[in-house]
Amino acid sequence: DAANVLSVSLPAGSQIVFDGAPTQLQSLSASGLTLASGELSVT
């Protein structure tokens, strides 16, 4: 949430729905991600 973590670990083969508050990450690696609302910022 916000800028509280540097990165996110998602399991292989996952399909996650992003619907959260504005979130800032340094890195993100995903098998599958759907951006359905909100703002996601990833370097």
PDB file of all heavy atoms in Angstrom:
ATOM      1  N   ASP A   1       0.862  -1.174   0.000  1.00  0.00           N
ATOM      2  CA  ASP A   1       0.000   0.000   0.000  1.00  0.00           C
ATOM      3  C   ASP A   1       0.901   1.227   0.000  1.00  0.00           C
ATOM      4  O   ASP A   1       1.876   1.277   0.757  1.00  0.00           O
ATOM      5  CB  ASP A   1      -0.902  -0.016   1.230  1.00  0.00           C
ATOM      6  CG  ASP A   1      -1.977   1.060   1.180  1.00  0.00           C
ATOM      7  OD1 ASP A   1      -2.058   1.756   0.155  1.00  0.00           O
ATOM      8  OD2 ASP A   1      -2.722   1.195   2.169  1.00  0.00           O
ATOM      9  N   ALA A   2       0.577   2.196  -0.819  1.00  0.00           N
ATOM     10  CA  ALA A   2       1.421   3.383  -0.966  1.00  0.00           C
ATOM     11  C   ALA A   2       2.834   2.938  -1.347  1.00  0.00           C
ATOM     12  O   ALA A   2       3.006   2.243  -2.337  1.00  0.00           O
ATOM     13  CB  ALA A   2       1.392   4.230   0.285  1.00  0.00           C
ATOM     14  N   ALA A   3       3.852   3.330  -0.537  1.00  0.00           N
ATOM     15  CA  ALA A   3       5.234   2.981  -0.871  1.00  0.00           C
ATOM     16  C   ALA A   3       5.870   2.167   0.246  1.00  0.00           C
ATOM     17  O   ALA A   3       7.047   2.305   0.544  1.00  0.00           O
ATOM     18  CB  ALA A   3       6.046   4.240  -1.137  1.00  0.00           C
ATOM     19  N   ASN A   4       5.086   1.283   0.876  1.00  0.00           N
ATOM     20  CA  ASN A   4       5.581   0.589   2.061  1.00  0.00           C
ATOM     21  C   ASN A   4       6.494  -0.595   1.758  1.00  0.00           C
ATOM     22  O   ASN A   4       7.215  -1.063   2.647  1.00  0.00           O
ATOM     23  CB  ASN A   4       4.403   0.119   2.926  1.00  0.00           C
ATOM     24  CG  ASN A   4       3.508  -0.881   2.206  1.00  0.00           C
ATOM     25  OD1 ASN A   4       3.386  -0.827   0.991  1.00  0.00           O
ATOM     26  ND2 ASN A   4       2.892  -1.773   2.962  1.00  0.00           N
ATOM     27  N   VAL A   5       6.475  -1.110   0.524  1.00  0.00           N
ATOM     28  CA  VAL A   5       7.351  -2.231   0.173  1.00  0.00           C
ATOM     29  C   VAL A   5       8.073  -1.922  -1.127  1.00  0.00           C
ATOM     30  O   VAL A   5       7.597  -1.131  -1.953  1.00  0.00           O
ATOM     31  CB  VAL A   5       6.571  -3.561   0.047  1.00  0.00           C
ATOM     32  CG1 VAL A   5       5.906  -3.937   1.358  1.00  0.00           C
ATOM     33  CG2 VAL A   5       5.548  -3.484  -1.080  1.00  0.00           C
ATOM     34  N   LEU A   6       9.227  -2.591  -1.316  1.00  0.00           N
ATOM     35  CA  LEU A   6       9.988  -2.382  -2.554  1.00  0.00           C
ATOM     36  C   LEU A   6       9.474  -3.234  -3.697  1.00  0.00           C
ATOM     37  O   LEU A   6       9.438  -2.803  -4.847  1.00  0.00           O
ATOM     38  CB  LEU A   6      11.473  -2.699  -2.302  1.00  0.00           C
ATOM     39  CG  LEU A   6      12.228  -1.740  -1.394  1.00  0.00           C
ATOM     40  CD1 LEU A   6      13.615  -2.282  -1.097  1.00  0.00           C
ATOM     41  CD2 LEU A   6      12.322  -0.368  -2.049  1.00  0.00           C
ATOM     42  N   SER A   7       9.096  -4.490  -3.386  1.00  0.00           N
ATOM     43  CA  SER A   7       8.699  -5.416  -4.450  1.00  0.00           C
ATOM     44  C   SER A   7       7.617  -6.349  -3.942  1.00  0.00           C
ATOM     45  O   SER A   7       7.327  -6.411  -2.742  1.00  0.00           O
ATOM     46  CB  SER A   7       9.900  -6.225  -4.934  1.00  0.00           C
ATOM     47  OG  SER A   7      10.395  -7.052  -3.894  1.00  0.00           O
ATOM     48  N   VAL A   8       7.026  -7.067  -4.902  1.00  0.00           N
ATOM     49  CA  VAL A   8       5.953  -8.003  -4.588  1.00  0.00           C
ATOM     50  C   VAL A   8       6.309  -9.355  -5.183  1.00  0.00           C
ATOM     51  O   VAL A   8       6.809  -9.449  -6.317  1.00  0.00           O
ATOM     52  CB  VAL A   8       4.610  -7.503  -5.157  1.00  0.00           C
ATOM     53  CG1 VAL A   8       3.583  -8.620  -5.202  1.00  0.00           C
ATOM     54  CG2 VAL A   8       4.092  -6.347  -4.326  1.00  0.00           C
ATOM     55  N   SER A   9       6.062 -10.416  -4.427  1.00  0.00           N
ATOM     56  CA  SER A   9       6.285 -11.771  -4.912  1.00  0.00           C
ATOM     57  C   SER A   9       4.938 -12.436  -5.148  1.00  0.00           C
ATOM     58  O   SER A   9       4.143 -12.610  -4.213  1.00  0.00           O
ATOM     59  CB  SER A   9       7.098 -12.582  -3.895  1.00  0.00           C
ATOM     60  OG  SER A   9       7.223 -13.929  -4.316  1.00  0.00           O
ATOM     61  N   LEU A  10       4.663 -12.781  -6.402  1.00  0.00           N
ATOM     62  CA  LEU A  10       3.424 -13.456  -6.777  1.00  0.00           C
ATOM     63  C   LEU A  10       3.762 -14.867  -7.247  1.00  0.00           C
ATOM     64  O   LEU A  10       4.756 -15.070  -7.948  1.00  0.00           O
ATOM     65  CB  LEU A  10       2.705 -12.698  -7.890  1.00  0.00           C
ATOM     66  CG  LEU A  10       2.297 -11.263  -7.573  1.00  0.00           C
ATOM     67  CD1 LEU A  10       1.712 -10.587  -8.810  1.00  0.00           C
ATOM     68  CD2 LEU A  10       1.287 -11.225  -6.431  1.00  0.00           C
ATOM     69  N   PRO A  11       2.944 -15.856  -6.917  1.00  0.00           N
ATOM     70  CA  PRO A  11       3.262 -17.237  -7.297  1.00  0.00           C
ATOM     71  C   PRO A  11       3.172 -17.450  -8.802  1.00  0.00           C
ATOM     72  O   PRO A  11       2.424 -16.765  -9.511  1.00  0.00           O
ATOM     73  CB  PRO A  11       2.209 -18.054  -6.550  1.00  0.00           C
ATOM     74  CG  PRO A  11       1.082 -17.112  -6.309  1.00  0.00           C
ATOM     75  CD  PRO A  11       1.699 -15.764  -6.127  1.00  0.00           C
ATOM     76  N   ALA A  12       3.950 -18.417  -9.286  1.00  0.00           N
ATOM     77  CA  ALA A  12       3.931 -18.752 -10.710  1.00  0.00           C
ATOM     78  C   ALA A  12       2.527 -19.196 -11.119  1.00  0.00           C
ATOM     79  O   ALA A  12       1.845 -19.924 -10.395  1.00  0.00           O
ATOM     80  CB  ALA A  12       4.944 -19.857 -10.997  1.00  0.00           C
ATOM     81  N   GLY A  13       2.089 -18.732 -12.303  1.00  0.00           N
ATOM     82  CA  GLY A  13       0.786 -19.111 -12.825  1.00  0.00           C
ATOM     83  C   GLY A  13      -0.381 -18.341 -12.256  1.00  0.00           C
ATOM     84  O   GLY A  13      -1.531 -18.604 -12.607  1.00  0.00           O
ATOM     85  N   SER A  14      -0.129 -17.369 -11.379  1.00  0.00           N
ATOM     86  CA  SER A  14      -1.220 -16.631 -10.754  1.00  0.00           C
ATOM     87  C   SER A  14      -1.796 -15.576 -11.686  1.00  0.00           C
ATOM     88  O   SER A  14      -1.132 -15.088 -12.600  1.00  0.00           O
ATOM     89  CB  SER A  14      -0.732 -15.972  -9.455  1.00  0.00           C
ATOM     90  OG  SER A  14       0.316 -15.053  -9.742  1.00  0.00           O
ATOM     91  N   GLN A  15      -3.057 -15.232 -11.443  1.00  0.00           N
ATOM     92  CA  GLN A  15      -3.741 -14.169 -12.171  1.00  0.00           C
ATOM     93  C   GLN A  15      -4.396 -13.280 -11.128  1.00  0.00           C
ATOM     94  O   GLN A  15      -5.465 -13.591 -10.605  1.00  0.00           O
ATOM     95  CB  GLN A  15      -4.781 -14.738 -13.139  1.00  0.00           C
ATOM     96  CG  GLN A  15      -5.504 -13.680 -13.980  1.00  0.00           C
ATOM     97  CD  GLN A  15      -4.588 -13.020 -14.999  1.00  0.00           C
ATOM     98  OE1 GLN A  15      -3.830 -13.690 -15.687  1.00  0.00           O
ATOM     99  NE2 GLN A  15      -4.659 -11.702 -15.100  1.00  0.00           N
ATOM    100  N   ILE A  16      -3.753 -12.141 -10.816  1.00  0.00           N
ATOM    101  CA  ILE A  16      -4.176 -11.276  -9.725  1.00  0.00           C
ATOM    102  C   ILE A  16      -4.905 -10.054 -10.283  1.00  0.00           C
ATOM    103  O   ILE A  16      -4.563  -9.556 -11.350  1.00  0.00           O
ATOM    104  CB  ILE A  16      -2.956 -10.816  -8.892  1.00  0.00           C
ATOM    105  CG1 ILE A  16      -2.084 -12.020  -8.513  1.00  0.00           C
ATOM    106  CG2 ILE A  16      -3.402 -10.052  -7.660  1.00  0.00           C
ATOM    107  CD1 ILE A  16      -2.804 -13.100  -7.755  1.00  0.00           C
ATOM    108  N   VAL A  17      -5.900  -9.572  -9.544  1.00  0.00           N
ATOM    109  CA  VAL A  17      -6.658  -8.382  -9.938  1.00  0.00           C
ATOM    110  C   VAL A  17      -6.231  -7.219  -9.050  1.00  0.00           C
ATOM    111  O   VAL A  17      -6.448  -7.250  -7.827  1.00  0.00           O
ATOM    112  CB  VAL A  17      -8.174  -8.611  -9.819  1.00  0.00           C
ATOM    113  CG1 VAL A  17      -8.928  -7.335 -10.177  1.00  0.00           C
ATOM    114  CG2 VAL A  17      -8.624  -9.764 -10.702  1.00  0.00           C
ATOM    115  N   PHE A  18      -5.624  -6.190  -9.665  1.00  0.00           N
ATOM    116  CA  PHE A  18      -5.249  -5.002  -8.903  1.00  0.00           C
ATOM    117  C   PHE A  18      -6.443  -4.065  -8.828  1.00  0.00           C
ATOM    118  O   PHE A  18      -6.941  -3.586  -9.847  1.00  0.00           O
ATOM    119  CB  PHE A  18      -4.069  -4.279  -9.555  1.00  0.00           C
ATOM    120  CG  PHE A  18      -3.630  -3.065  -8.780  1.00  0.00           C
ATOM    121  CD1 PHE A  18      -2.670  -3.176  -7.790  1.00  0.00           C
ATOM    122  CD2 PHE A  18      -4.201  -1.819  -9.010  1.00  0.00           C
ATOM    123  CE1 PHE A  18      -2.279  -2.072  -7.039  1.00  0.00           C
ATOM    124  CE2 PHE A  18      -3.827  -0.713  -8.266  1.00  0.00           C
ATOM    125  CZ  PHE A  18      -2.858  -0.839  -7.282  1.00  0.00           C
ATOM    126  N   ASP A  19      -6.875  -3.779  -7.586  1.00  0.00           N
ATOM    127  CA  ASP A  19      -8.013  -2.881  -7.364  1.00  0.00           C
ATOM    128  C   ASP A  19      -7.778  -2.039  -6.118  1.00  0.00           C
ATOM    129  O   ASP A  19      -8.722  -1.575  -5.485  1.00  0.00           O
ATOM    130  CB  ASP A  19      -9.306  -3.689  -7.198  1.00  0.00           C
ATOM    131  CG  ASP A  19      -9.249  -4.642  -6.007  1.00  0.00           C
ATOM    132  OD1 ASP A  19      -8.136  -4.877  -5.473  1.00  0.00           O
ATOM    133  OD2 ASP A  19     -10.307  -5.147  -5.591  1.00  0.00           O
ATOM    134  N   GLY A  20      -6.499  -1.836  -5.781  1.00  0.00           N
ATOM    135  CA  GLY A  20      -6.185  -1.203  -4.514  1.00  0.00           C
ATOM    136  C   GLY A  20      -5.982   0.289  -4.607  1.00  0.00           C
ATOM    137  O   GLY A  20      -6.163   0.923  -5.649  1.00  0.00           O
ATOM    138  N   ALA A  21      -5.593   0.854  -3.438  1.00  0.00           N
ATOM    139  CA  ALA A  21      -5.239   2.263  -3.361  1.00  0.00           C
ATOM    140  C   ALA A  21      -3.947   2.489  -4.142  1.00  0.00           C
ATOM    141  O   ALA A  21      -3.224   1.536  -4.463  1.00  0.00           O
ATOM    142  CB  ALA A  21      -5.059   2.657  -1.896  1.00  0.00           C
ATOM    143  N   PRO A  22      -3.621   3.741  -4.473  1.00  0.00           N
ATOM    144  CA  PRO A  22      -2.375   4.000  -5.208  1.00  0.00           C
ATOM    145  C   PRO A  22      -1.183   3.327  -4.528  1.00  0.00           C
ATOM    146  O   PRO A  22      -0.956   3.479  -3.325  1.00  0.00           O
ATOM    147  CB  PRO A  22      -2.270   5.519  -5.166  1.00  0.00           C
ATOM    148  CG  PRO A  22      -3.682   5.978  -5.084  1.00  0.00           C
ATOM    149  CD  PRO A  22      -4.388   4.967  -4.239  1.00  0.00           C
ATOM    150  N   THR A  23      -0.448   2.549  -5.324  1.00  0.00           N
ATOM    151  CA  THR A  23       0.646   1.739  -4.803  1.00  0.00           C
ATOM    152  C   THR A  23       1.896   1.978  -5.620  1.00  0.00           C
ATOM    153  O   THR A  23       1.831   2.025  -6.859  1.00  0.00           O
ATOM    154  CB  THR A  23       0.276   0.245  -4.839  1.00  0.00           C
ATOM    155  OG1 THR A  23      -0.898   0.036  -4.037  1.00  0.00           O
ATOM    156  CG2 THR A  23       1.405  -0.621  -4.311  1.00  0.00           C
ATOM    157  N   GLN A  24       3.034   2.115  -4.928  1.00  0.00           N
ATOM    158  CA  GLN A  24       4.307   2.344  -5.596  1.00  0.00           C
ATOM    159  C   GLN A  24       5.257   1.192  -5.283  1.00  0.00           C
ATOM    160  O   GLN A  24       5.462   0.840  -4.115  1.00  0.00           O
ATOM    161  CB  GLN A  24       4.934   3.655  -5.123  1.00  0.00           C
ATOM    162  CG  GLN A  24       4.089   4.880  -5.397  1.00  0.00           C
ATOM    163  CD  GLN A  24       4.705   6.135  -4.799  1.00  0.00           C
ATOM    164  OE1 GLN A  24       5.915   6.215  -4.610  1.00  0.00           O
ATOM    165  NE2 GLN A  24       3.869   7.113  -4.496  1.00  0.00           N
ATOM    166  N   LEU A  25       5.834   0.624  -6.363  1.00  0.00           N
ATOM    167  CA  LEU A  25       6.765  -0.488  -6.219  1.00  0.00           C
ATOM    168  C   LEU A  25       8.011  -0.216  -7.032  1.00  0.00           C
ATOM    169  O   LEU A  25       7.944   0.422  -8.087  1.00  0.00           O
ATOM    170  CB  LEU A  25       6.132  -1.803  -6.680  1.00  0.00           C
ATOM    171  CG  LEU A  25       4.847  -2.266  -5.969  1.00  0.00           C
ATOM    172  CD1 LEU A  25       4.273  -3.473  -6.686  1.00  0.00           C
ATOM    173  CD2 LEU A  25       5.131  -2.583  -4.507  1.00  0.00           C
ATOM    174  N   GLN A  26       9.123  -0.753  -6.548  1.00  0.00           N
ATOM    175  CA  GLN A  26      10.328  -0.678  -7.353  1.00  0.00           C
ATOM    176  C   GLN A  26      10.322  -1.731  -8.446  1.00  0.00           C
ATOM    177  O   GLN A  26      10.752  -1.483  -9.558  1.00  0.00           O
ATOM    178  CB  GLN A  26      11.572  -0.868  -6.459  1.00  0.00           C
ATOM    179  CG  GLN A  26      12.529   0.301  -6.534  1.00  0.00           C
ATOM    180  CD  GLN A  26      13.732   0.103  -5.634  1.00  0.00           C
ATOM    181  OE1 GLN A  26      14.187  -1.008  -5.398  1.00  0.00           O
ATOM    182  NE2 GLN A  26      14.242   1.196  -5.135  1.00  0.00           N
ATOM    183  N   SER A  27       9.813  -2.923  -8.139  1.00  0.00           N
ATOM    184  CA  SER A  27       9.776  -3.995  -9.130  1.00  0.00           C
ATOM    185  C   SER A  27       8.574  -4.892  -8.891  1.00  0.00           C
ATOM    186  O   SER A  27       8.110  -5.054  -7.761  1.00  0.00           O
ATOM    187  CB  SER A  27      11.071  -4.821  -9.079  1.00  0.00           C
ATOM    188  OG  SER A  27      11.189  -5.490  -7.845  1.00  0.00           O
ATOM    189  N   LEU A  28       8.086  -5.457  -9.976  1.00  0.00           N
ATOM    190  CA  LEU A  28       6.964  -6.387  -9.922  1.00  0.00           C
ATOM    191  C   LEU A  28       7.095  -7.363 -11.084  1.00  0.00           C
ATOM    192  O   LEU A  28       7.254  -6.954 -12.235  1.00  0.00           O
ATOM    193  CB  LEU A  28       5.630  -5.639 -10.016  1.00  0.00           C
ATOM    194  CG  LEU A  28       4.357  -6.492 -10.162  1.00  0.00           C
ATOM    195  CD1 LEU A  28       4.195  -7.416  -8.964  1.00  0.00           C
ATOM    196  CD2 LEU A  28       3.127  -5.611 -10.325  1.00  0.00           C
ATOM    197  N   SER A  29       7.045  -8.654 -10.744  1.00  0.00           N
ATOM    198  CA  SER A  29       7.064  -9.699 -11.758  1.00  0.00           C
ATOM    199  C   SER A  29       5.843 -10.569 -11.557  1.00  0.00           C
ATOM    200  O   SER A  29       5.607 -11.072 -10.443  1.00  0.00           O
ATOM    201  CB  SER A  29       8.346 -10.541 -11.643  1.00  0.00           C
ATOM    202  OG  SER A  29       8.346 -11.581 -12.594  1.00  0.00           O
ATOM    203  N   ALA A  30       5.031 -10.736 -12.613  1.00  0.00           N
ATOM    204  CA  ALA A  30       3.769 -11.453 -12.472  1.00  0.00           C
ATOM    205  C   ALA A  30       3.546 -12.384 -13.650  1.00  0.00           C
ATOM    206  O   ALA A  30       3.881 -12.057 -14.789  1.00  0.00           O
ATOM    207  CB  ALA A  30       2.609 -10.459 -12.365  1.00  0.00           C
ATOM    208  N   SER A  31       2.963 -13.552 -13.350  1.00  0.00           N
ATOM    209  CA  SER A  31       2.511 -14.413 -14.443  1.00  0.00           C
ATOM    210  C   SER A  31       1.324 -13.771 -15.141  1.00  0.00           C
ATOM    211  O   SER A  31       1.221 -13.789 -16.369  1.00  0.00           O
ATOM    212  CB  SER A  31       2.126 -15.790 -13.901  1.00  0.00           C
ATOM    213  OG  SER A  31       3.249 -16.461 -13.378  1.00  0.00           O
ATOM    214  N   GLY A  32       0.414 -13.204 -14.337  1.00  0.00           N
ATOM    215  CA  GLY A  32      -0.735 -12.524 -14.903  1.00  0.00           C
ATOM    216  C   GLY A  32      -1.267 -11.475 -13.959  1.00  0.00           C
ATOM    217  O   GLY A  32      -1.372 -11.704 -12.751  1.00  0.00           O
ATOM    218  N   LEU A  33      -1.577 -10.298 -14.495  1.00  0.00           N
ATOM    219  CA  LEU A  33      -2.121  -9.217 -13.667  1.00  0.00           C
ATOM    220  C   LEU A  33      -3.174  -8.465 -14.469  1.00  0.00           C
ATOM    221  O   LEU A  33      -2.964  -8.129 -15.633  1.00  0.00           O
ATOM    222  CB  LEU A  33      -1.024  -8.255 -13.231  1.00  0.00           C
ATOM    223  CG  LEU A  33      -1.487  -7.122 -12.302  1.00  0.00           C
ATOM    224  CD1 LEU A  33      -1.714  -7.671 -10.890  1.00  0.00           C
ATOM    225  CD2 LEU A  33      -0.475  -5.988 -12.264  1.00  0.00           C
ATOM    226  N   THR A  34      -4.321  -8.198 -13.815  1.00  0.00           N
ATOM    227  CA  THR A  34      -5.370  -7.367 -14.394  1.00  0.00           C
ATOM    228  C   THR A  34      -5.474  -6.080 -13.597  1.00  0.00           C
ATOM    229  O   THR A  34      -5.693  -6.118 -12.384  1.00  0.00           O
ATOM    230  CB  THR A  34      -6.724  -8.090 -14.386  1.00  0.00           C
ATOM    231  OG1 THR A  34      -6.652  -9.260 -15.196  1.00  0.00           O
ATOM    232  CG2 THR A  34      -7.822  -7.180 -14.918  1.00  0.00           C
ATOM    233  N   LEU A  35      -5.305  -4.945 -14.245  1.00  0.00           N
ATOM    234  CA  LEU A  35      -5.474  -3.645 -13.604  1.00  0.00           C
ATOM    235  C   LEU A  35      -6.919  -3.216 -13.834  1.00  0.00           C
ATOM    236  O   LEU A  35      -7.298  -2.864 -14.951  1.00  0.00           O
ATOM    237  CB  LEU A  35      -4.497  -2.626 -14.183  1.00  0.00           C
ATOM    238  CG  LEU A  35      -4.516  -1.224 -13.585  1.00  0.00           C
ATOM    239  CD1 LEU A  35      -4.287  -1.269 -12.083  1.00  0.00           C
ATOM    240  CD2 LEU A  35      -3.478  -0.332 -14.244  1.00  0.00           C
ATOM    241  N   ALA A  36      -7.727  -3.283 -12.746  1.00  0.00           N
ATOM    242  CA  ALA A  36      -9.157  -3.037 -12.860  1.00  0.00           C
ATOM    243  C   ALA A  36      -9.576  -1.682 -12.318  1.00  0.00           C
ATOM    244  O   ALA A  36     -10.659  -1.192 -12.654  1.00  0.00           O
ATOM    245  CB  ALA A  36      -9.932  -4.136 -12.131  1.00  0.00           C
ATOM    246  N   SER A  37      -8.736  -1.060 -11.470  1.00  0.00           N
ATOM    247  CA  SER A  37      -9.045   0.266 -10.935  1.00  0.00           C
ATOM    248  C   SER A  37      -7.815   0.771 -10.197  1.00  0.00           C
ATOM    249  O   SER A  37      -6.838   0.043  -9.994  1.00  0.00           O
ATOM    250  CB  SER A  37     -10.252   0.217  -9.989  1.00  0.00           C
ATOM    251  OG  SER A  37      -9.953  -0.563  -8.843  1.00  0.00           O
ATOM    252  N   GLY A  38      -7.866   2.032  -9.760  1.00  0.00           N
ATOM    253  CA  GLY A  38      -6.776   2.589  -8.979  1.00  0.00           C
ATOM    254  C   GLY A  38      -5.560   2.923  -9.811  1.00  0.00           C
ATOM    255  O   GLY A  38      -5.601   2.951 -11.046  1.00  0.00           O
ATOM    256  N   GLU A  39      -4.434   3.163  -9.126  1.00  0.00           N
ATOM    257  CA  GLU A  39      -3.189   3.517  -9.802  1.00  0.00           C
ATOM    258  C   GLU A  39      -2.048   2.666  -9.270  1.00  0.00           C
ATOM    259  O   GLU A  39      -1.820   2.592  -8.059  1.00  0.00           O
ATOM    260  CB  GLU A  39      -2.850   4.994  -9.603  1.00  0.00           C
ATOM    261  CG  GLU A  39      -1.556   5.404 -10.300  1.00  0.00           C
ATOM    262  CD  GLU A  39      -1.303   6.895 -10.274  1.00  0.00           C
ATOM    263  OE1 GLU A  39      -2.235   7.645  -9.902  1.00  0.00           O
ATOM    264  OE2 GLU A  39      -0.186   7.316 -10.621  1.00  0.00           O
ATOM    265  N   LEU A  40      -1.340   2.041 -10.190  1.00  0.00           N
ATOM    266  CA  LEU A  40      -0.189   1.219  -9.862  1.00  0.00           C
ATOM    267  C   LEU A  40       1.030   1.825 -10.532  1.00  0.00           C
ATOM    268  O   LEU A  40       1.051   2.007 -11.757  1.00  0.00           O
ATOM    269  CB  LEU A  40      -0.398  -0.216 -10.347  1.00  0.00           C
ATOM    270  CG  LEU A  40       0.772  -1.184 -10.163  1.00  0.00           C
ATOM    271  CD1 LEU A  40       1.111  -1.357  -8.690  1.00  0.00           C
ATOM    272  CD2 LEU A  40       0.446  -2.542 -10.800  1.00  0.00           C
ATOM    273  N   SER A  41       2.041   2.137  -9.717  1.00  0.00           N
ATOM    274  CA  SER A  41       3.274   2.704 -10.237  1.00  0.00           C
ATOM    275  C   SER A  41       4.414   1.731  -9.957  1.00  0.00           C
ATOM    276  O   SER A  41       4.664   1.393  -8.791  1.00  0.00           O
ATOM    277  CB  SER A  41       3.554   4.062  -9.584  1.00  0.00           C
ATOM    278  OG  SER A  41       4.782   4.586 -10.039  1.00  0.00           O
ATOM    279  N   VAL A  42       5.088   1.277 -11.028  1.00  0.00           N
ATOM    280  CA  VAL A  42       6.156   0.286 -10.897  1.00  0.00           C
ATOM    281  C   VAL A  42       7.348   0.750 -11.729  1.00  0.00           C
ATOM    282  O   VAL A  42       7.201   1.025 -12.928  1.00  0.00           O
ATOM    283  CB  VAL A  42       5.708  -1.107 -11.367  1.00  0.00           C
ATOM    284  CG1 VAL A  42       6.803  -2.129 -11.063  1.00  0.00           C
ATOM    285  CG2 VAL A  42       4.397  -1.516 -10.704  1.00  0.00           C
ATOM    286  N   THR A  43       8.518   0.793 -11.092  1.00  0.00           N
ATOM    287  CA  THR A  43       9.705   1.209 -11.835  1.00  0.00           C
ATOM    288  C   THR A  43      10.062   0.171 -12.898  1.00  0.00           C
ATOM    289  O   THR A  43      10.264   0.510 -14.065  1.00  0.00           O
ATOM    290  CB  THR A  43      10.892   1.418 -10.870  1.00  0.00           C
ATOM    291  OG1 THR A  43      10.512   2.370  -9.880  1.00  0.00           O
ATOM    292  CG2 THR A  43      12.109   1.936 -11.623  1.00  0.00           C
TER     293      THR A  43
END
